[in-house]
PDB file of N, CA and C in Angstrom:
ATOM      1  N   MET A   1       1.314   4.620  -9.651  1.00  0.00           N
ATOM      2  CA  MET A   1       0.076   4.758 -10.307  1.00  0.00           C
ATOM      3  C   MET A   1       0.297   4.573 -11.736  1.00  0.00           C
ATOM      4  N   ALA A   2      -0.572   3.884 -12.517  1.00  0.00           N
ATOM      5  CA  ALA A   2      -0.487   3.666 -13.859  1.00  0.00           C
ATOM      6  C   ALA A   2      -0.706   4.930 -14.675  1.00  0.00           C
ATOM      7  N   LYS A   3       0.063   5.252 -15.590  1.00  0.00           N
ATOM      8  CA  LYS A   3      -0.069   6.519 -16.285  1.00  0.00           C
ATOM      9  C   LYS A   3      -0.062   6.203 -17.885  1.00  0.00           C
ATOM     10  N   ALA A   4      -0.879   7.052 -18.568  1.00  0.00           N
ATOM     11  CA  ALA A   4      -0.739   6.969 -20.017  1.00  0.00           C
ATOM     12  C   ALA A   4       0.394   7.668 -20.490  1.00  0.00           C
ATOM     13  N   GLY A   5       1.048   7.079 -21.410  1.00  0.00           N
ATOM     14  CA  GLY A   5       2.240   7.680 -22.075  1.00  0.00           C
ATOM     15  C   GLY A   5       1.728   8.586 -23.324  1.00  0.00           C
ATOM     16  N   ASN A   6       2.679   8.959 -24.078  1.00  0.00           N
ATOM     17  CA  ASN A   6       2.301   9.802 -25.243  1.00  0.00           C
ATOM     18  C   ASN A   6       1.339   9.066 -26.256  1.00  0.00           C
ATOM     19  N   SER A   7       1.392   7.718 -26.181  1.00  0.00           N
ATOM     20  CA  SER A   7       0.553   7.011 -27.104  1.00  0.00           C
ATOM     21  C   SER A   7      -0.814   6.747 -26.514  1.00  0.00           C
ATOM     22  N   GLY A   8      -1.021   7.162 -25.238  1.00  0.00           N
ATOM     23  CA  GLY A   8      -2.293   6.911 -24.622  1.00  0.00           C
ATOM     24  C   GLY A   8      -2.372   5.550 -23.925  1.00  0.00           C
ATOM     25  N   LYS A   9      -1.326   4.788 -23.951  1.00  0.00           N
ATOM     26  CA  LYS A   9      -1.386   3.320 -23.468  1.00  0.00           C
ATOM     27  C   LYS A   9      -1.175   3.440 -21.978  1.00  0.00           C
ATOM     28  N   ILE A  10      -1.746   2.470 -21.252  1.00  0.00           N
ATOM     29  CA  ILE A  10      -1.571   2.253 -19.858  1.00  0.00           C
ATOM     30  C   ILE A  10      -0.279   1.573 -19.585  1.00  0.00           C
ATOM     31  N   ASP A  11       0.404   2.089 -18.550  1.00  0.00           N
ATOM     32  CA  ASP A  11       1.545   1.378 -18.069  1.00  0.00           C
ATOM     33  C   ASP A  11       1.238   0.005 -17.427  1.00  0.00           C
ATOM     34  N   ILE A  12       1.273  -0.980 -18.302  1.00  0.00           N
ATOM     35  CA  ILE A  12       0.693  -2.222 -17.897  1.00  0.00           C
ATOM     36  C   ILE A  12       1.619  -2.900 -16.787  1.00  0.00           C
ATOM     37  N   GLU A  13       2.917  -2.737 -16.916  1.00  0.00           N
ATOM     38  CA  GLU A  13       3.757  -3.295 -15.846  1.00  0.00           C
ATOM     39  C   GLU A  13       3.538  -2.736 -14.473  1.00  0.00           C
ATOM     40  N   LYS A  14       3.394  -1.413 -14.483  1.00  0.00           N
ATOM     41  CA  LYS A  14       3.228  -0.710 -13.214  1.00  0.00           C
ATOM     42  C   LYS A  14       1.818  -1.072 -12.595  1.00  0.00           C
ATOM     43  N   THR A  15       0.745  -1.226 -13.490  1.00  0.00           N
ATOM     44  CA  THR A  15      -0.483  -1.539 -13.046  1.00  0.00           C
ATOM     45  C   THR A  15      -0.585  -3.004 -12.475  1.00  0.00           C
ATOM     46  N   SER A  16       0.113  -3.850 -13.214  1.00  0.00           N
ATOM     47  CA  SER A  16       0.195  -5.268 -12.842  1.00  0.00           C
ATOM     48  C   SER A  16       0.880  -5.356 -11.456  1.00  0.00           C
ATOM     49  N   ARG A  17       1.984  -4.582 -11.196  1.00  0.00           N
ATOM     50  CA  ARG A  17       2.731  -4.646  -9.914  1.00  0.00           C
ATOM     51  C   ARG A  17       1.836  -4.184  -8.750  1.00  0.00           C
ATOM     52  N   LEU A  18       0.991  -3.162  -9.062  1.00  0.00           N
ATOM     53  CA  LEU A  18       0.083  -2.548  -8.021  1.00  0.00           C
ATOM     54  C   LEU A  18      -0.935  -3.581  -7.742  1.00  0.00           C
ATOM     55  N   LEU A  19      -1.530  -4.199  -8.754  1.00  0.00           N
ATOM     56  CA  LEU A  19      -2.712  -5.189  -8.405  1.00  0.00           C
ATOM     57  C   LEU A  19      -2.064  -6.445  -7.752  1.00  0.00           C
ATOM     58  N   LYS A  20      -0.857  -6.872  -8.020  1.00  0.00           N
ATOM     59  CA  LYS A  20      -0.394  -7.960  -7.418  1.00  0.00           C
ATOM     60  C   LYS A  20      -0.103  -7.616  -5.964  1.00  0.00           C
ATOM     61  N   ALA A  21       0.328  -6.448  -5.676  1.00  0.00           N
ATOM     62  CA  ALA A  21       0.619  -6.084  -4.296  1.00  0.00           C
ATOM     63  C   ALA A  21      -0.674  -6.095  -3.435  1.00  0.00           C
ATOM     64  N   LEU A  22      -1.709  -5.832  -4.137  1.00  0.00           N
ATOM     65  CA  LEU A  22      -3.063  -5.789  -3.412  1.00  0.00           C
ATOM     66  C   LEU A  22      -3.631  -7.185  -3.316  1.00  0.00           C
ATOM     67  N   SER A  23      -3.076  -8.163  -3.954  1.00  0.00           N
ATOM     68  CA  SER A  23      -3.726  -9.536  -4.096  1.00  0.00           C
ATOM     69  C   SER A  23      -3.434 -10.333  -2.863  1.00  0.00           C
ATOM     70  N   ASP A  24      -2.662 -10.024  -1.884  1.00  0.00           N
ATOM     71  CA  ASP A  24      -2.273 -10.798  -0.796  1.00  0.00           C
ATOM     72  C   ASP A  24      -3.049 -10.407   0.483  1.00  0.00           C
ATOM     73  N   PRO A  25      -3.680 -11.433   1.198  1.00  0.00           N
ATOM     74  CA  PRO A  25      -4.461 -11.042   2.420  1.00  0.00           C
ATOM     75  C   PRO A  25      -3.642 -10.324   3.419  1.00  0.00           C
ATOM     76  N   ASP A  26      -2.423 -10.765   3.589  1.00  0.00           N
ATOM     77  CA  ASP A  26      -1.542 -10.055   4.735  1.00  0.00           C
ATOM     78  C   ASP A  26      -1.268  -8.682   4.272  1.00  0.00           C
ATOM     79  N   ARG A  27      -0.991  -8.444   3.006  1.00  0.00           N
ATOM     80  CA  ARG A  27      -0.669  -7.021   2.631  1.00  0.00           C
ATOM     81  C   ARG A  27      -1.957  -6.133   2.839  1.00  0.00           C
ATOM     82  N   LEU A  28      -3.120  -6.677   2.643  1.00  0.00           N
ATOM     83  CA  LEU A  28      -4.408  -5.963   2.836  1.00  0.00           C
ATOM     84  C   LEU A  28      -4.475  -5.615   4.275  1.00  0.00           C
ATOM     85  N   ARG A  29      -4.176  -6.595   5.166  1.00  0.00           N
ATOM     86  CA  ARG A  29      -4.206  -6.370   6.623  1.00  0.00           C
ATOM     87  C   ARG A  29      -3.147  -5.231   6.977  1.00  0.00           C
ATOM     88  N   LEU A  30      -2.031  -5.286   6.384  1.00  0.00           N
ATOM     89  CA  LEU A  30      -1.080  -4.166   6.627  1.00  0.00           C
ATOM     90  C   LEU A  30      -1.481  -2.870   6.125  1.00  0.00           C
ATOM     91  N   ILE A  31      -2.192  -2.741   5.100  1.00  0.00           N
ATOM     92  CA  ILE A  31      -2.752  -1.518   4.570  1.00  0.00           C
ATOM     93  C   ILE A  31      -3.769  -0.960   5.593  1.00  0.00           C
ATOM     94  N   LEU A  32      -4.622  -1.902   6.117  1.00  0.00           N
ATOM     95  CA  LEU A  32      -5.561  -1.419   7.126  1.00  0.00           C
ATOM     96  C   LEU A  32      -4.875  -0.920   8.391  1.00  0.00           C
ATOM     97  N   GLN A  33      -3.689  -1.413   8.736  1.00  0.00           N
ATOM     98  CA  GLN A  33      -3.058  -0.997   9.926  1.00  0.00           C
ATOM     99  C   GLN A  33      -2.563   0.431   9.862  1.00  0.00           C
ATOM    100  N   VAL A  34      -2.262   0.900   8.609  1.00  0.00           N
ATOM    101  CA  VAL A  34      -1.833   2.241   8.460  1.00  0.00           C
ATOM    102  C   VAL A  34      -2.896   3.151   7.939  1.00  0.00           C
ATOM    103  N   LYS A  35      -4.130   2.630   7.906  1.00  0.00           N
ATOM    104  CA  LYS A  35      -5.166   3.379   7.337  1.00  0.00           C
ATOM    105  C   LYS A  35      -5.380   4.754   8.070  1.00  0.00           C
ATOM    106  N   ASN A  36      -5.232   4.702   9.388  1.00  0.00           N
ATOM    107  CA  ASN A  36      -5.460   5.982  10.221  1.00  0.00           C
ATOM    108  C   ASN A  36      -4.235   6.542  10.806  1.00  0.00           C
ATOM    109  N   GLY A  37      -3.002   6.251  10.306  1.00  0.00           N
ATOM    110  CA  GLY A  37      -1.797   6.793  10.672  1.00  0.00           C
ATOM    111  C   GLY A  37      -0.607   5.793  10.556  1.00  0.00           C
ATOM    112  N   GLU A  38       0.435   6.380  10.577  1.00  0.00           N
ATOM    113  CA  GLU A  38       1.794   5.522  10.451  1.00  0.00           C
ATOM    114  C   GLU A  38       2.049   4.587  11.583  1.00  0.00           C
ATOM    115  N   LYS A  39       2.590   3.448  11.252  1.00  0.00           N
ATOM    116  CA  LYS A  39       3.095   2.460  12.226  1.00  0.00           C
ATOM    117  C   LYS A  39       4.338   1.888  11.867  1.00  0.00           C
ATOM    118  N   ASN A  40       5.029   1.314  12.877  1.00  0.00           N
ATOM    119  CA  ASN A  40       6.258   0.551  12.568  1.00  0.00           C
ATOM    120  C   ASN A  40       6.077  -0.942  12.391  1.00  0.00           C
ATOM    121  N   VAL A  41       7.078  -1.630  11.920  1.00  0.00           N
ATOM    122  CA  VAL A  41       6.997  -3.011  11.601  1.00  0.00           C
ATOM    123  C   VAL A  41       6.557  -3.903  12.803  1.00  0.00           C
ATOM    124  N   GLY A  42       7.136  -3.765  13.978  1.00  0.00           N
ATOM    125  CA  GLY A  42       6.841  -4.543  15.055  1.00  0.00           C
ATOM    126  C   GLY A  42       5.423  -4.337  15.592  1.00  0.00           C
ATOM    127  N   THR A  43       4.882  -3.079  15.543  1.00  0.00           N
ATOM    128  CA  THR A  43       3.521  -2.837  15.868  1.00  0.00           C
ATOM    129  C   THR A  43       2.629  -3.636  15.011  1.00  0.00           C
ATOM    130  N   MET A  44       2.918  -3.531  13.675  1.00  0.00           N
ATOM    131  CA  MET A  44       1.934  -4.117  12.678  1.00  0.00           C
ATOM    132  C   MET A  44       2.091  -5.679  12.764  1.00  0.00           C
ATOM    133  N   ALA A  45       3.242  -6.206  13.001  1.00  0.00           N
ATOM    134  CA  ALA A  45       3.464  -7.666  13.106  1.00  0.00           C
ATOM    135  C   ALA A  45       2.625  -8.262  14.191  1.00  0.00           C
ATOM    136  N   LYS A  46       2.733  -7.551  15.476  1.00  0.00           N
ATOM    137  CA  LYS A  46       1.915  -8.023  16.595  1.00  0.00           C
ATOM    138  C   LYS A  46       0.437  -7.816  16.272  1.00  0.00           C
ATOM    139  N   ALA A  47       0.073  -6.814  15.600  1.00  0.00           N
ATOM    140  CA  ALA A  47      -1.400  -6.541  15.389  1.00  0.00           C
ATOM    141  C   ALA A  47      -2.087  -7.642  14.477  1.00  0.00           C
ATOM    142  N   ILE A  48      -1.301  -8.198  13.451  1.00  0.00           N
ATOM    143  CA  ILE A  48      -1.851  -9.125  12.573  1.00  0.00           C
ATOM    144  C   ILE A  48      -1.371 -10.511  12.866  1.00  0.00           C
ATOM    145  N   GLY A  49      -0.647 -10.709  13.924  1.00  0.00           N
ATOM    146  CA  GLY A  49      -0.241 -12.027  14.314  1.00  0.00           C
ATOM    147  C   GLY A  49       0.755 -12.674  13.389  1.00  0.00           C
ATOM    148  N   ALA A  50       1.740 -11.900  12.903  1.00  0.00           N
ATOM    149  CA  ALA A  50       2.694 -12.383  11.893  1.00  0.00           C
ATOM    150  C   ALA A  50       4.075 -12.189  12.375  1.00  0.00           C
ATOM    151  N   GLU A  51       5.070 -12.937  11.789  1.00  0.00           N
ATOM    152  CA  GLU A  51       6.494 -12.786  12.100  1.00  0.00           C
ATOM    153  C   GLU A  51       6.948 -11.453  11.535  1.00  0.00           C
ATOM    154  N   ILE A  52       7.929 -10.827  12.183  1.00  0.00           N
ATOM    155  CA  ILE A  52       8.389  -9.581  11.727  1.00  0.00           C
ATOM    156  C   ILE A  52       9.096  -9.729  10.358  1.00  0.00           C
ATOM    157  N   VAL A  53       9.823 -10.770  10.133  1.00  0.00           N
ATOM    158  CA  VAL A  53      10.407 -11.072   8.804  1.00  0.00           C
ATOM    159  C   VAL A  53       9.440 -11.067   7.638  1.00  0.00           C
ATOM    160  N   ASN A  54       8.250 -11.703   7.885  1.00  0.00           N
ATOM    161  CA  ASN A  54       7.234 -11.838   6.859  1.00  0.00           C
ATOM    162  C   ASN A  54       6.611 -10.483   6.688  1.00  0.00           C
ATOM    163  N   VAL A  55       6.391  -9.758   7.785  1.00  0.00           N
ATOM    164  CA  VAL A  55       5.740  -8.383   7.626  1.00  0.00           C
ATOM    165  C   VAL A  55       6.684  -7.431   6.876  1.00  0.00           C
ATOM    166  N   SER A  56       8.011  -7.540   7.232  1.00  0.00           N
ATOM    167  CA  SER A  56       9.005  -6.719   6.437  1.00  0.00           C
ATOM    168  C   SER A  56       9.034  -6.971   5.005  1.00  0.00           C
ATOM    169  N   HIS A  57       8.919  -8.292   4.603  1.00  0.00           N
ATOM    170  CA  HIS A  57       8.808  -8.657   3.179  1.00  0.00           C
ATOM    171  C   HIS A  57       7.602  -8.012   2.542  1.00  0.00           C
ATOM    172  N   HIS A  58       6.426  -8.145   3.179  1.00  0.00           N
ATOM    173  CA  HIS A  58       5.195  -7.616   2.592  1.00  0.00           C
ATOM    174  C   HIS A  58       5.203  -6.031   2.551  1.00  0.00           C
ATOM    175  N   LEU A  59       5.872  -5.473   3.538  1.00  0.00           N
ATOM    176  CA  LEU A  59       5.897  -4.051   3.434  1.00  0.00           C
ATOM    177  C   LEU A  59       6.928  -3.627   2.391  1.00  0.00           C
ATOM    178  N   GLY A  60       7.969  -4.364   2.091  1.00  0.00           N
ATOM    179  CA  GLY A  60       8.783  -4.047   1.002  1.00  0.00           C
ATOM    180  C   GLY A  60       8.101  -4.099  -0.381  1.00  0.00           C
ATOM    181  N   VAL A  61       7.223  -5.087  -0.482  1.00  0.00           N
ATOM    182  CA  VAL A  61       6.350  -5.198  -1.737  1.00  0.00           C
ATOM    183  C   VAL A  61       5.465  -3.950  -1.855  1.00  0.00           C
ATOM    184  N   LEU A  62       4.745  -3.541  -0.771  1.00  0.00           N
ATOM    185  CA  LEU A  62       3.872  -2.458  -0.769  1.00  0.00           C
ATOM    186  C   LEU A  62       4.571  -1.112  -1.008  1.00  0.00           C
ATOM    187  N   ARG A  63       5.816  -1.045  -0.412  1.00  0.00           N
ATOM    188  CA  ARG A  63       6.638   0.218  -0.696  1.00  0.00           C
ATOM    189  C   ARG A  63       7.107   0.201  -2.153  1.00  0.00           C
ATOM    190  N   ALA A  64       7.531  -0.916  -2.771  1.00  0.00           N
ATOM    191  CA  ALA A  64       8.006  -0.986  -4.126  1.00  0.00           C
ATOM    192  C   ALA A  64       6.947  -0.594  -5.114  1.00  0.00           C
ATOM    193  N   SER A  65       5.707  -0.977  -4.712  1.00  0.00           N
ATOM    194  CA  SER A  65       4.481  -0.659  -5.627  1.00  0.00           C
ATOM    195  C   SER A  65       4.020   0.723  -5.341  1.00  0.00           C
ATOM    196  N   GLN A  66       4.614   1.483  -4.364  1.00  0.00           N
ATOM    197  CA  GLN A  66       4.302   2.848  -4.072  1.00  0.00           C
ATOM    198  C   GLN A  66       2.955   2.985  -3.405  1.00  0.00           C
ATOM    199  N   ILE A  67       2.420   1.829  -2.815  1.00  0.00           N
ATOM    200  CA  ILE A  67       1.158   1.916  -2.054  1.00  0.00           C
ATOM    201  C   ILE A  67       1.517   2.638  -0.674  1.00  0.00           C
ATOM    202  N   LEU A  68       2.591   2.248  -0.109  1.00  0.00           N
ATOM    203  CA  LEU A  68       3.077   2.749   1.212  1.00  0.00           C
ATOM    204  C   LEU A  68       4.266   3.637   0.986  1.00  0.00           C
ATOM    205  N   LYS A  69       4.526   4.538   1.892  1.00  0.00           N
ATOM    206  CA  LYS A  69       5.728   5.279   1.877  1.00  0.00           C
ATOM    207  C   LYS A  69       6.282   4.977   3.280  1.00  0.00           C
ATOM    208  N   ASP A  70       7.663   5.246   3.480  1.00  0.00           N
ATOM    209  CA  ASP A  70       8.247   5.070   4.788  1.00  0.00           C
ATOM    210  C   ASP A  70       9.093   6.251   5.206  1.00  0.00           C
ATOM    211  N   ARG A  71       9.233   6.281   6.565  1.00  0.00           N
ATOM    212  CA  ARG A  71       9.954   7.394   7.130  1.00  0.00           C
ATOM    213  C   ARG A  71      10.819   6.811   8.268  1.00  0.00           C
ATOM    214  N   LYS A  72      12.069   6.999   8.267  1.00  0.00           N
ATOM    215  CA  LYS A  72      13.010   6.485   9.205  1.00  0.00           C
ATOM    216  C   LYS A  72      13.218   7.441  10.394  1.00  0.00           C
ATOM    217  N   VAL A  73      13.060   6.958  11.591  1.00  0.00           N
ATOM    218  CA  VAL A  73      13.410   7.721  12.774  1.00  0.00           C
ATOM    219  C   VAL A  73      14.256   6.888  13.629  1.00  0.00           C
ATOM    220  N   GLY A  74      15.557   7.280  13.663  1.00  0.00           N
ATOM    221  CA  GLY A  74      16.471   6.560  14.340  1.00  0.00           C
ATOM    222  C   GLY A  74      16.675   5.094  13.844  1.00  0.00           C
ATOM    223  N   ARG A  75      16.480   4.088  14.577  1.00  0.00           N
ATOM    224  CA  ARG A  75      16.513   2.753  14.029  1.00  0.00           C
ATOM    225  C   ARG A  75      15.123   2.214  13.622  1.00  0.00           C
ATOM    226  N   PHE A  76      14.135   2.885  13.765  1.00  0.00           N
ATOM    227  CA  PHE A  76      12.775   2.535  13.505  1.00  0.00           C
ATOM    228  C   PHE A  76      12.354   3.142  12.039  1.00  0.00           C
ATOM    229  N   VAL A  77      11.516   2.338  11.364  1.00  0.00           N
ATOM    230  CA  VAL A  77      10.900   2.675  10.028  1.00  0.00           C
ATOM    231  C   VAL A  77       9.492   2.752  10.262  1.00  0.00           C
ATOM    232  N   PHE A  78       8.819   3.845   9.970  1.00  0.00           N
ATOM    233  CA  PHE A  78       7.387   4.062  10.039  1.00  0.00           C
ATOM    234  C   PHE A  78       6.742   4.039   8.676  1.00  0.00           C
ATOM    235  N   TYR A  79       5.604   3.304   8.553  1.00  0.00           N
ATOM    236  CA  TYR A  79       4.994   3.268   7.176  1.00  0.00           C
ATOM    237  C   TYR A  79       3.584   3.951   7.213  1.00  0.00           C
ATOM    238  N   SER A  80       3.380   4.522   6.108  1.00  0.00           N
ATOM    239  CA  SER A  80       1.969   5.270   6.015  1.00  0.00           C
ATOM    240  C   SER A  80       1.523   5.025   4.543  1.00  0.00           C
ATOM    241  N   LEU A  81       0.256   5.387   4.307  1.00  0.00           N
ATOM    242  CA  LEU A  81      -0.402   5.335   2.929  1.00  0.00           C
ATOM    243  C   LEU A  81       0.282   6.422   2.160  1.00  0.00           C
ATOM    244  N   ASN A  82       0.596   6.087   0.885  1.00  0.00           N
ATOM    245  CA  ASN A  82       1.063   7.007  -0.060  1.00  0.00           C
ATOM    246  C   ASN A  82      -0.156   7.697  -0.671  1.00  0.00           C
ATOM    247  N   PRO A  83      -0.457   8.955  -0.363  1.00  0.00           N
ATOM    248  CA  PRO A  83      -1.687   9.613  -0.900  1.00  0.00           C
ATOM    249  C   PRO A  83      -1.685   9.848  -2.359  1.00  0.00           C
ATOM    250  N   ASP A  84      -0.609   9.707  -3.043  1.00  0.00           N
ATOM    251  CA  ASP A  84      -0.618   9.752  -4.490  1.00  0.00           C
ATOM    252  C   ASP A  84      -1.166   8.545  -5.134  1.00  0.00           C
ATOM    253  N   VAL A  85      -1.325   7.401  -4.389  1.00  0.00           N
ATOM    254  CA  VAL A  85      -1.710   6.136  -4.806  1.00  0.00           C
ATOM    255  C   VAL A  85      -2.995   5.643  -4.091  1.00  0.00           C
ATOM    256  N   ILE A  86      -3.092   5.870  -2.912  1.00  0.00           N
ATOM    257  CA  ILE A  86      -4.130   5.381  -2.124  1.00  0.00           C
ATOM    258  C   ILE A  86      -4.506   6.302  -1.186  1.00  0.00           C
ATOM    259  N   SER A  87      -5.889   6.535  -0.961  1.00  0.00           N
ATOM    260  CA  SER A  87      -6.433   7.438  -0.018  1.00  0.00           C
ATOM    261  C   SER A  87      -7.686   6.896   0.549  1.00  0.00           C
ATOM    262  N   MET A  88      -8.244   7.604   1.545  1.00  0.00           N
ATOM    263  CA  MET A  88      -9.394   7.218   2.298  1.00  0.00           C
ATOM    264  C   MET A  88     -10.497   8.072   1.913  1.00  0.00           C
ATOM    265  N   ASP A  89     -11.735   7.642   1.567  1.00  0.00           N
ATOM    266  CA  ASP A  89     -12.824   8.578   1.387  1.00  0.00           C
ATOM    267  C   ASP A  89     -13.647   8.819   2.679  1.00  0.00           C
ATOM    268  N   ALA A  90     -14.715   9.568   2.598  1.00  0.00           N
ATOM    269  CA  ALA A  90     -15.367   9.951   3.863  1.00  0.00           C
ATOM    270  C   ALA A  90     -16.096   8.822   4.555  1.00  0.00           C
ATOM    271  N   SER A  91     -16.376   7.723   3.875  1.00  0.00           N
ATOM    272  CA  SER A  91     -16.911   6.506   4.509  1.00  0.00           C
ATOM    273  C   SER A  91     -15.854   5.649   5.097  1.00  0.00           C
ATOM    274  N   GLY A  92     -14.548   6.037   4.910  1.00  0.00           N
ATOM    275  CA  GLY A  92     -13.549   5.074   5.453  1.00  0.00           C
ATOM    276  C   GLY A  92     -12.967   4.045   4.393  1.00  0.00           C
ATOM    277  N   ALA A  93     -13.638   4.009   3.232  1.00  0.00           N
ATOM    278  CA  ALA A  93     -13.122   3.057   2.150  1.00  0.00           C
ATOM    279  C   ALA A  93     -11.834   3.529   1.586  1.00  0.00           C
ATOM    280  N   LEU A  94     -11.036   2.672   1.247  1.00  0.00           N
ATOM    281  CA  LEU A  94      -9.673   3.080   0.565  1.00  0.00           C
ATOM    282  C   LEU A  94      -9.843   3.087  -0.919  1.00  0.00           C
ATOM    283  N   LEU A  95      -9.346   4.170  -1.464  1.00  0.00           N
ATOM    284  CA  LEU A  95      -9.384   4.283  -2.981  1.00  0.00           C
ATOM    285  C   LEU A  95      -7.988   4.183  -3.541  1.00  0.00           C
ATOM    286  N   VAL A  96      -7.826   3.216  -4.477  1.00  0.00           N
ATOM    287  CA  VAL A  96      -6.500   3.042  -5.108  1.00  0.00           C
ATOM    288  C   VAL A  96      -6.565   3.637  -6.474  1.00  0.00           C
ATOM    289  N   GLN A  97      -5.700   4.495  -6.855  1.00  0.00           N
ATOM    290  CA  GLN A  97      -5.729   5.185  -8.107  1.00  0.00           C
ATOM    291  C   GLN A  97      -5.181   4.374  -9.114  1.00  0.00           C
ATOM    292  N   LEU A  98      -5.888   4.016 -10.191  1.00  0.00           N
ATOM    293  CA  LEU A  98      -5.314   3.367 -11.393  1.00  0.00           C
ATOM    294  C   LEU A  98      -5.659   4.193 -12.572  1.00  0.00           C
ATOM    295  N   HIS A  99      -5.070   3.857 -13.691  1.00  0.00           N
ATOM    296  CA  HIS A  99      -5.312   4.633 -14.948  1.00  0.00           C
ATOM    297  C   HIS A  99      -6.781   4.793 -15.273  1.00  0.00           C
ATOM    298  N   GLY A 100      -7.372   5.910 -15.043  1.00  0.00           N
ATOM    299  CA  GLY A 100      -8.726   6.279 -15.475  1.00  0.00           C
ATOM    300  C   GLY A 100      -9.760   5.662 -14.588  1.00  0.00           C
ATOM    301  N   CYS A 101      -9.389   4.957 -13.497  1.00  0.00           N
ATOM    302  CA  CYS A 101     -10.452   4.357 -12.645  1.00  0.00           C
ATOM    303  C   CYS A 101      -9.810   4.263 -11.203  1.00  0.00           C
ATOM    304  N   LYS A 102     -10.760   3.950 -10.277  1.00  0.00           N
ATOM    305  CA  LYS A 102     -10.325   3.700  -8.917  1.00  0.00           C
ATOM    306  C   LYS A 102     -10.756   2.330  -8.469  1.00  0.00           C
ATOM    307  N   VAL A 103      -9.917   1.712  -7.725  1.00  0.00           N
ATOM    308  CA  VAL A 103     -10.307   0.409  -7.110  1.00  0.00           C
ATOM    309  C   VAL A 103     -10.692   0.849  -5.585  1.00  0.00           C
ATOM    310  N   ILE A 104     -11.830   0.453  -5.199  1.00  0.00           N
ATOM    311  CA  ILE A 104     -12.351   0.774  -3.856  1.00  0.00           C
ATOM    312  C   ILE A 104     -12.206  -0.417  -3.031  1.00  0.00           C
ATOM    313  N   LEU A 105     -11.479  -0.267  -1.908  1.00  0.00           N
ATOM    314  CA  LEU A 105     -11.262  -1.357  -0.953  1.00  0.00           C
ATOM    315  C   LEU A 105     -12.196  -1.024   0.229  1.00  0.00           C
ATOM    316  N   GLY A 106     -13.404  -1.594   0.326  1.00  0.00           N
ATOM    317  CA  GLY A 106     -14.285  -1.299   1.409  1.00  0.00           C
ATOM    318  C   GLY A 106     -14.028  -2.181   2.589  1.00  0.00           C
ATOM    319  N   LEU A 107     -12.821  -2.201   3.120  1.00  0.00           N
ATOM    320  CA  LEU A 107     -12.343  -3.038   4.144  1.00  0.00           C
ATOM    321  C   LEU A 107     -12.708  -2.462   5.534  1.00  0.00           C
TER     322      LEU A 107
END
């Protein structure tokens, strides 16, 4: 999440990474996959009709931008929304926290 420093400036680099992570259609599809609970790579790849290697790459971008968090169980990795960055409102829309504003993904 972009934060203001002591000078009150927005963390431009972090905000840019977050917005870039949201700019890919497959990444938005993956975010929707974990909207209601955690899932693993294979399950999400099958659901969106993509290769596991491509899904793994996109999940890495979403994790690096802190939109998703992961949890390893044995040899499986499960992904879920990071509530510090993205949450769901009562209508089911996803809210992305940015500096002083929210991006609403009504997907």
